[in-house]
Protein backbone atom coordinates (compact mmCIF):
# COMPACT_ATOMS: atom_id res chain seq x y z
CA MET A 1 122.44 114.78 64.91
CA ASP A 2 124.15 114.27 68.09
CA LEU A 3 121.13 114.85 70.62
CA HIS A 4 123.11 114.87 73.83
CA ALA A 5 125.32 118.08 72.39
CA LYS A 6 121.81 119.68 71.58
CA TYR A 7 119.53 118.55 74.50
CA PRO A 8 121.96 117.33 77.13
CA GLY A 9 119.20 117.76 79.76
CA LEU A 10 115.43 117.52 80.68
CA SER A 11 115.49 121.34 80.73
CA ASP A 12 116.58 121.18 76.82
CA LEU A 13 113.65 118.88 76.02
CA LYS A 14 111.25 120.91 78.04
CA ARG A 15 112.01 124.24 76.19
CA ARG A 16 111.78 122.46 72.85
CA ALA A 17 108.53 120.84 73.76
CA LYS A 18 107.05 124.10 74.64
CA GLN A 19 108.09 125.64 71.28
CA ARG A 20 106.22 122.80 69.35
CA LEU A 21 103.01 122.39 71.37
CA PRO A 22 99.84 124.59 71.21
CA LEU A 23 99.27 126.64 74.32
CA PHE A 24 96.45 124.49 75.50
CA VAL A 25 98.36 121.29 75.18
CA TRP A 26 101.27 122.60 77.01
CA GLU A 27 99.14 124.03 79.76
CA TYR A 28 97.82 120.41 80.20
CA LEU A 29 101.11 118.64 80.17
CA ASP A 30 102.98 121.12 82.42
CA SER A 31 100.49 122.70 84.66
CA ALA A 32 99.64 121.88 88.27
CA THR A 33 96.57 123.14 90.83
CA GLY A 34 96.48 126.43 92.55
CA GLN A 35 99.58 128.49 92.55
CA GLU A 36 101.49 125.59 91.84
CA ALA A 37 103.51 125.43 95.33
CA THR A 38 103.21 121.65 95.45
CA LYS A 39 104.95 121.31 92.06
CA HIS A 40 107.83 123.93 92.78
CA ARG A 41 108.01 121.94 96.40
CA ASN A 42 108.53 118.67 94.58
CA ARG A 43 111.63 120.02 93.25
CA ALA A 44 112.85 122.00 96.22
CA THR A 45 112.83 119.14 98.35
CA LEU A 46 114.73 117.06 96.12
CA ASP A 47 117.40 119.92 95.86
CA ALA A 48 117.47 120.01 99.48
CA ILE A 49 118.81 116.23 99.69
CA THR A 50 122.69 116.48 99.69
CA MET A 51 124.95 113.46 99.41
CA MET A 52 128.67 112.95 100.17
CA PRO A 53 130.94 112.38 97.28
CA SER A 54 133.35 109.45 97.70
CA ILE A 55 137.17 109.50 96.50
CA LEU A 56 139.63 106.89 95.75
CA HIS A 57 137.17 103.91 95.06
CA GLY A 58 138.75 102.70 91.97
CA PRO A 59 136.86 101.63 88.38
CA ILE A 60 133.32 100.64 89.32
CA ASP A 61 131.13 98.14 87.79
CA PHE A 62 127.67 99.75 87.86
CA ASP A 63 124.56 97.99 88.43
CA THR A 64 121.58 99.73 87.71
CA SER A 65 119.13 96.84 87.50
CA VAL A 66 116.29 96.23 89.96
CA THR A 67 113.87 93.53 90.74
CA LEU A 68 110.34 94.65 91.48
CA PHE A 69 107.35 92.10 91.59
CA GLY A 70 109.31 89.22 90.10
CA GLN A 71 110.59 91.23 87.10
CA THR A 72 114.12 92.36 86.44
CA HIS A 73 114.65 95.56 84.90
CA PRO A 74 117.96 96.78 83.66
CA LEU A 75 116.99 100.47 84.91
CA PRO A 76 115.22 101.72 87.97
CA PHE A 77 112.64 103.83 86.18
CA GLY A 78 109.55 103.63 84.25
CA VAL A 79 106.51 105.22 82.55
CA ALA A 80 103.92 106.38 84.86
CA PRO A 81 100.28 106.79 83.58
CA VAL A 82 99.16 109.94 81.90
CA GLY A 83 95.45 110.52 80.69
CA MET A 84 95.26 111.81 77.21
CA SER A 85 98.78 111.16 76.17
CA GLY A 86 97.51 111.25 72.65
CA LEU A 87 96.79 114.76 72.94
CA ILE A 88 100.21 115.67 73.90
CA TRP A 89 101.83 113.70 71.17
CA PRO A 90 99.81 111.60 68.55
CA ASP A 91 99.99 107.63 69.28
CA ALA A 92 102.11 108.51 72.46
CA GLU A 93 100.81 105.44 74.30
CA ARG A 94 102.10 102.83 71.87
CA GLN A 95 105.17 104.85 71.08
CA LEU A 96 106.07 104.83 75.00
CA ALA A 97 105.00 101.29 75.36
CA ARG A 98 107.07 100.13 72.46
CA VAL A 99 110.24 101.95 73.73
CA ALA A 100 109.89 100.87 77.34
CA THR A 101 109.07 97.26 76.69
CA ALA A 102 112.47 96.88 74.38
CA THR A 103 114.18 98.51 77.11
CA GLY A 104 112.93 96.27 79.73
CA ILE A 105 111.42 98.79 81.87
CA PRO A 106 107.53 99.06 82.82
CA TYR A 107 104.94 101.11 81.07
CA THR A 108 101.76 102.00 82.82
CA LEU A 109 98.52 102.93 80.48
CA SER A 110 95.99 105.11 82.13
CA THR A 111 92.19 104.38 82.25
CA VAL A 112 91.69 107.76 80.69
CA ALA A 113 94.61 107.16 77.94
CA SER A 114 94.16 107.95 74.30
CA ALA A 115 94.35 104.22 73.12
CA ASP A 116 92.83 101.16 74.90
CA PRO A 117 94.29 98.31 76.15
CA GLU A 118 93.33 96.24 73.26
CA THR A 119 95.44 98.61 71.09
CA VAL A 120 98.48 99.05 73.63
CA GLY A 121 98.63 95.41 74.64
CA PRO A 122 100.48 93.89 71.95
CA CYS A 123 103.52 96.32 72.56
CA VAL A 124 103.80 95.43 76.27
CA ASP A 125 104.74 91.77 75.63
CA GLY A 126 102.58 90.67 78.89
CA LYS A 127 104.32 92.82 81.09
CA GLY A 128 102.16 96.10 81.15
CA TRP A 129 100.90 97.94 84.15
CA PHE A 130 97.28 99.26 84.18
CA GLN A 131 96.31 102.21 85.99
CA LEU A 132 92.63 102.35 87.49
CA TYR A 133 90.40 105.18 87.97
CA PRO A 134 87.97 103.47 90.07
CA PRO A 135 84.51 102.79 88.37
CA LYS A 136 81.33 103.10 90.43
CA ASN A 137 79.56 100.35 88.55
CA PRO A 138 80.53 97.10 89.50
CA GLU A 139 80.17 95.35 86.05
CA ILE A 140 82.13 98.21 84.43
CA ARG A 141 84.98 97.51 87.00
CA ARG A 142 85.28 93.70 86.38
CA ASP A 143 85.19 94.31 82.39
CA LEU A 144 87.87 96.89 82.69
CA LEU A 145 90.09 94.26 84.57
CA ASP A 146 89.00 91.52 82.34
CA ARG A 147 90.12 93.75 79.26
CA ALA A 148 93.40 94.66 80.94
CA ARG A 149 94.41 91.20 81.89
CA ALA A 150 93.41 89.96 78.42
CA SER A 151 95.50 92.40 76.67
CA GLY A 152 98.74 91.48 78.55
CA PHE A 153 98.81 93.97 81.31
CA ARG A 154 100.02 92.04 84.36
CA THR A 155 100.19 94.77 87.34
CA LEU A 156 97.22 96.85 88.49
CA VAL A 157 97.56 100.50 89.79
CA MET A 158 94.84 101.50 91.72
CA THR A 159 94.72 105.59 91.65
CA VAL A 160 93.52 106.83 95.15
CA ASP A 161 94.34 110.65 95.20
CA VAL A 162 91.52 112.05 93.05
CA PRO A 163 88.64 111.86 95.08
CA VAL A 164 87.41 114.88 93.19
CA ALA A 165 88.24 116.95 90.12
CA SER A 166 91.16 119.37 90.89
CA ARG A 167 91.19 123.11 89.76
CA ARG A 168 94.15 123.49 87.16
CA GLU A 169 93.78 127.29 86.66
CA ARG A 170 96.35 127.40 83.73
CA GLN A 171 94.39 124.93 81.83
CA THR A 172 91.29 126.71 82.12
CA ARG A 173 93.11 130.18 81.04
CA SER A 174 94.39 128.18 77.70
CA GLY A 175 90.74 127.61 76.53
CA LEU A 176 90.97 123.83 77.14
CA THR A 177 87.64 121.92 77.73
CA GLN A 178 86.87 118.23 77.73
CA PRO A 179 86.88 116.86 75.41
CA PRO A 180 88.70 119.51 73.53
CA ARG A 181 86.41 121.80 71.10
CA MET A 182 87.98 123.23 68.29
CA THR A 183 87.25 126.95 68.99
CA PRO A 184 88.80 129.89 67.24
CA ARG A 185 91.17 130.62 70.06
CA LEU A 186 92.37 126.95 70.06
CA LEU A 187 92.70 126.69 66.18
CA ALA A 188 94.66 129.94 66.22
CA GLN A 189 97.18 128.20 68.83
CA ILE A 190 97.28 124.99 66.64
CA ALA A 191 98.08 127.04 63.61
CA MET A 192 101.06 128.17 65.40
CA ARG A 193 102.53 124.64 66.02
CA PRO A 194 102.36 122.81 62.35
CA ALA A 195 104.55 119.88 63.66
CA TRP A 196 101.96 119.10 66.20
CA ALA A 197 99.06 119.88 63.93
CA MET A 198 100.19 117.64 61.03
CA ALA A 199 100.86 114.73 63.22
CA THR A 200 97.53 114.96 65.02
CA LEU A 201 95.70 115.49 61.59
CA ALA A 202 97.47 112.29 60.59
CA HIS A 203 96.44 110.45 63.42
CA GLY A 204 93.18 111.41 64.33
CA ARG A 205 91.66 113.52 67.03
CA PRO A 206 92.44 111.95 70.66
CA ARG A 207 89.58 110.47 72.62
CA MET A 208 89.38 108.27 75.47
CA PRO A 209 88.49 104.68 73.79
CA THR A 210 89.06 102.58 76.98
CA ILE A 211 85.90 104.06 78.58
CA ALA A 212 84.11 105.04 75.48
CA ARG A 213 82.12 101.82 75.47
CA TYR A 214 80.64 102.82 78.85
CA ALA A 215 79.73 106.40 78.38
CA LYS A 216 79.35 108.98 75.75
CA ASP A 217 81.42 112.08 75.43
CA LYS A 218 79.48 115.12 77.32
CA PRO A 219 80.55 118.33 75.59
CA GLY A 220 81.34 121.12 78.03
CA LEU A 221 82.74 119.59 80.99
CA PRO A 222 85.63 121.61 82.97
CA PRO A 223 89.14 121.39 81.56
CA THR A 224 90.18 119.04 84.41
CA GLU A 225 87.13 116.81 84.17
CA HIS A 226 86.37 114.37 81.64
CA ILE A 227 83.88 111.31 80.92
CA GLY A 228 85.57 109.00 83.15
CA TYR A 229 84.46 111.36 85.92
CA LEU A 230 80.82 110.29 84.88
CA LEU A 231 81.60 106.62 85.79
CA ARG A 232 84.01 106.79 88.72
CA THR A 233 83.56 106.98 92.33
CA SER A 234 85.62 108.02 95.26
CA PRO A 235 86.94 104.50 96.59
CA ASP A 236 87.04 103.47 100.31
CA TRP A 237 88.68 100.43 101.96
CA ASP A 238 86.00 98.12 101.09
CA TYR A 239 86.62 98.96 97.50
CA LEU A 240 90.46 98.43 97.77
CA ARG A 241 89.76 94.86 99.10
CA TRP A 242 87.36 93.94 96.33
CA LEU A 243 90.00 94.84 93.82
CA ARG A 244 92.86 93.02 95.75
CA ASP A 245 90.44 90.01 95.78
CA ALA A 246 89.72 90.23 91.72
CA TRP A 247 93.14 90.93 90.60
CA ASP A 248 95.51 87.88 90.27
CA GLY A 249 98.82 89.88 89.74
CA PRO A 250 100.76 92.41 91.52
CA PHE A 251 98.34 95.16 92.89
CA VAL A 252 99.93 98.77 93.75
CA VAL A 253 98.03 101.67 95.51
CA LYS A 254 99.28 105.18 93.75
CA GLY A 255 98.84 108.47 95.28
CA VAL A 256 99.76 107.57 98.92
CA MET A 257 101.24 110.24 100.98
CA ASP A 258 100.64 109.37 104.68
CA PRO A 259 102.77 106.99 106.31
CA ALA A 260 100.11 106.00 108.71
CA ASP A 261 98.32 104.33 105.78
CA ALA A 262 101.18 102.08 104.78
CA PRO A 263 100.50 99.36 107.55
CA LYS A 264 96.91 99.26 106.73
CA LEU A 265 97.64 98.92 102.94
CA GLU A 266 100.01 96.03 103.82
CA GLN A 267 97.29 94.45 105.82
CA ALA A 268 95.03 94.75 102.94
CA GLY A 269 97.12 92.57 100.87
CA VAL A 270 98.78 95.40 98.57
CA ASP A 271 101.91 94.61 96.70
CA GLY A 272 103.52 97.97 96.68
CA ILE A 273 102.79 101.51 97.39
CA TRP A 274 103.25 104.22 95.08
CA ILE A 275 104.34 107.50 96.80
CA SER A 276 102.93 110.52 94.92
CA ASN A 277 101.44 113.84 95.02
CA HIS A 278 100.01 113.59 91.49
CA ALA A 279 103.08 115.88 90.48
CA GLY A 280 101.23 118.99 92.26
CA ARG A 281 98.04 118.41 89.87
CA GLN A 282 95.29 117.66 92.66
CA PHE A 283 96.11 119.38 96.00
CA ASP A 284 98.42 122.59 96.30
CA ALA A 285 99.08 121.92 100.21
CA ALA A 286 100.85 118.59 99.74
CA PRO A 287 104.20 117.91 101.12
CA GLY A 288 106.95 116.44 98.41
CA PRO A 289 107.15 112.73 98.44
CA ALA A 290 110.92 113.14 99.30
CA GLU A 291 109.64 114.63 102.73
CA VAL A 292 107.38 111.50 103.44
CA LEU A 293 109.75 108.65 102.01
CA PRO A 294 111.75 108.02 104.88
CA ALA A 295 108.71 107.55 107.20
CA MET A 296 107.08 105.38 104.91
CA ARG A 297 109.96 103.67 104.45
CA ALA A 298 109.93 102.79 108.27
CA ALA A 299 106.56 101.80 108.30
CA THR A 300 106.47 99.62 105.83
CA GLY A 301 108.62 96.67 103.93
CA LEU A 302 106.77 96.50 101.01
CA PRO A 303 108.03 97.96 97.85
CA LEU A 304 107.98 101.79 97.31
CA ILE A 305 107.43 103.22 94.34
CA TYR A 306 108.19 107.26 94.02
CA ASP A 307 107.24 109.95 91.61
CA SER A 308 106.66 113.57 91.28
CA GLY A 309 109.54 115.89 90.26
CA ILE A 310 112.30 113.58 88.71
CA GLU A 311 114.34 115.20 86.49
CA GLY A 312 117.40 113.32 86.27
CA GLY A 313 119.71 110.46 87.41
CA LEU A 314 120.75 112.14 90.75
CA ASP A 315 116.86 112.73 91.59
CA ILE A 316 116.74 108.89 91.25
CA LEU A 317 119.43 108.13 93.73
CA ARG A 318 118.20 110.73 95.67
CA ALA A 319 115.04 108.62 96.03
CA PHE A 320 116.81 105.49 96.62
CA ALA A 321 118.82 106.99 99.43
CA LEU A 322 115.54 107.67 101.29
CA GLY A 323 114.23 104.27 100.73
CA ALA A 324 112.30 104.09 97.26
CA ASP A 325 112.73 100.69 95.26
CA PHE A 326 111.79 102.18 92.19
CA VAL A 327 110.80 105.73 90.30
CA MET A 328 108.18 106.38 87.89
CA MET A 329 108.14 109.63 85.64
CA GLY A 330 105.20 110.98 83.60
CA ARG A 331 105.64 114.50 82.09
CA ALA A 332 109.46 113.62 81.54
CA TRP A 333 108.60 111.26 78.71
CA HIS A 334 105.98 113.49 77.13
CA TYR A 335 108.26 116.44 77.14
CA ALA A 336 110.76 114.03 75.31
CA LEU A 337 107.91 113.01 72.86
CA ALA A 338 106.77 116.48 72.36
CA ALA A 339 110.24 117.75 71.54
CA LEU A 340 111.86 114.95 69.54
CA GLY A 341 108.80 113.01 68.27
CA LEU A 342 109.80 109.24 67.94
CA ASP A 343 113.60 109.90 68.98
CA GLY A 344 112.46 111.45 72.23
CA PRO A 345 111.78 108.67 74.68
CA GLY A 346 114.99 106.82 73.72
CA HIS A 347 117.19 109.80 74.14
CA LEU A 348 115.56 110.50 77.45
CA ILE A 349 116.35 106.86 78.57
CA ASP A 350 120.05 107.13 77.40
CA MET A 351 120.34 110.68 78.74
CA PHE A 352 118.85 109.39 82.58
CA GLN A 353 121.30 106.25 82.09
CA LYS A 354 124.35 108.48 81.57
CA ASP A 355 123.49 110.81 84.35
CA LEU A 356 122.82 108.00 86.74
CA GLN A 357 126.10 106.28 86.27
CA ALA A 358 128.00 109.78 86.35
CA ASN A 359 126.25 110.32 89.78
CA MET A 360 127.02 106.73 90.94
CA GLY A 361 130.47 107.21 90.09
CA GLN A 362 130.90 110.42 92.16
CA LEU A 363 129.34 108.86 95.12
CA GLY A 364 131.25 105.33 94.89
CA LEU A 365 128.15 103.23 94.28
CA GLU A 366 128.32 99.96 92.56
CA THR A 367 124.45 99.27 93.12
CA LEU A 368 121.76 101.71 93.62
CA HIS A 369 120.59 100.54 97.44
CA GLN A 370 123.86 101.63 98.37
CA ALA A 371 122.84 105.42 97.90
CA ALA A 372 121.71 105.78 101.72
CA SER A 373 125.28 105.49 102.64
CA ARG A 374 126.13 108.68 101.21
CA LEU A 375 123.40 110.72 102.43
CA ARG A 376 124.62 113.88 104.41
């Protein structure tokens, strides 16, 4: 099958994914918080960025490679952490880690993933990224870092934009609980999606094994909470400095939106800043990352990672034009997996690479960092 003929854009994968996922799983993946204004703002602020096409530049030898934290990646995008990926598609973590590592791009494992570092570690070839939701207990904190390091995770990502649980109303309306309880309502939704049901049955019920050794599942938690909330804390600057001292590899802080924080993060020894509003899932009055990226670039010389709302190669160029050094995506990979199974992530990479080069050609760009010269 010619996947490009049938699924030429991310919107096609998204539509197919919705057809194959039970409603409560789709709402978990696709929803944001509140009226979802921030989610829509992410898209609108990217669409507002226009760039001037270039003519008569002759053939171009495209270079889409990026060097980040001492590693050179052939493409400027990677896999962002998504909690409970295995709920969206069975064995999602290992599937995405294998494809990303084979391609030479980073894969980020969430603390609340459906697979633990020990299971995913063999798939990342010693180059994985591990995202930490900050545990309150120092012993658990140290143990998580030791496990991630021993499993081959080189870069630590501390998420700071989830001080409290958000309210994702679509998830609540779908009947989802944490951990998911197989109520008649959910079973009816599953019965309508046999491909997901059979794949999940073969792989087993998704859980959160990374933190399972520290806490048992507590039934009946709200749909936007999970057992991780029983262990975690809302971190402060002292907590951040503790992590910096405890981790001997690249250290990234994720969920930064205020440029005023950039110099303080730089002084604290952070190696990279991940600009993100959590794809609109935490706070419904946040600006789009595209709105704050230029000021963030002016505030620091640290590498800047961009996520939230990326839907194609042109969006990646927009982010680079505003000052980004790398782009991460979360939902897109899971739309691809849910739509096409094992074929999905590879197709997404090929699709984004082709779109990236097509738009670089229109702009007359040989490298990604030349994108700023074409801003209008």
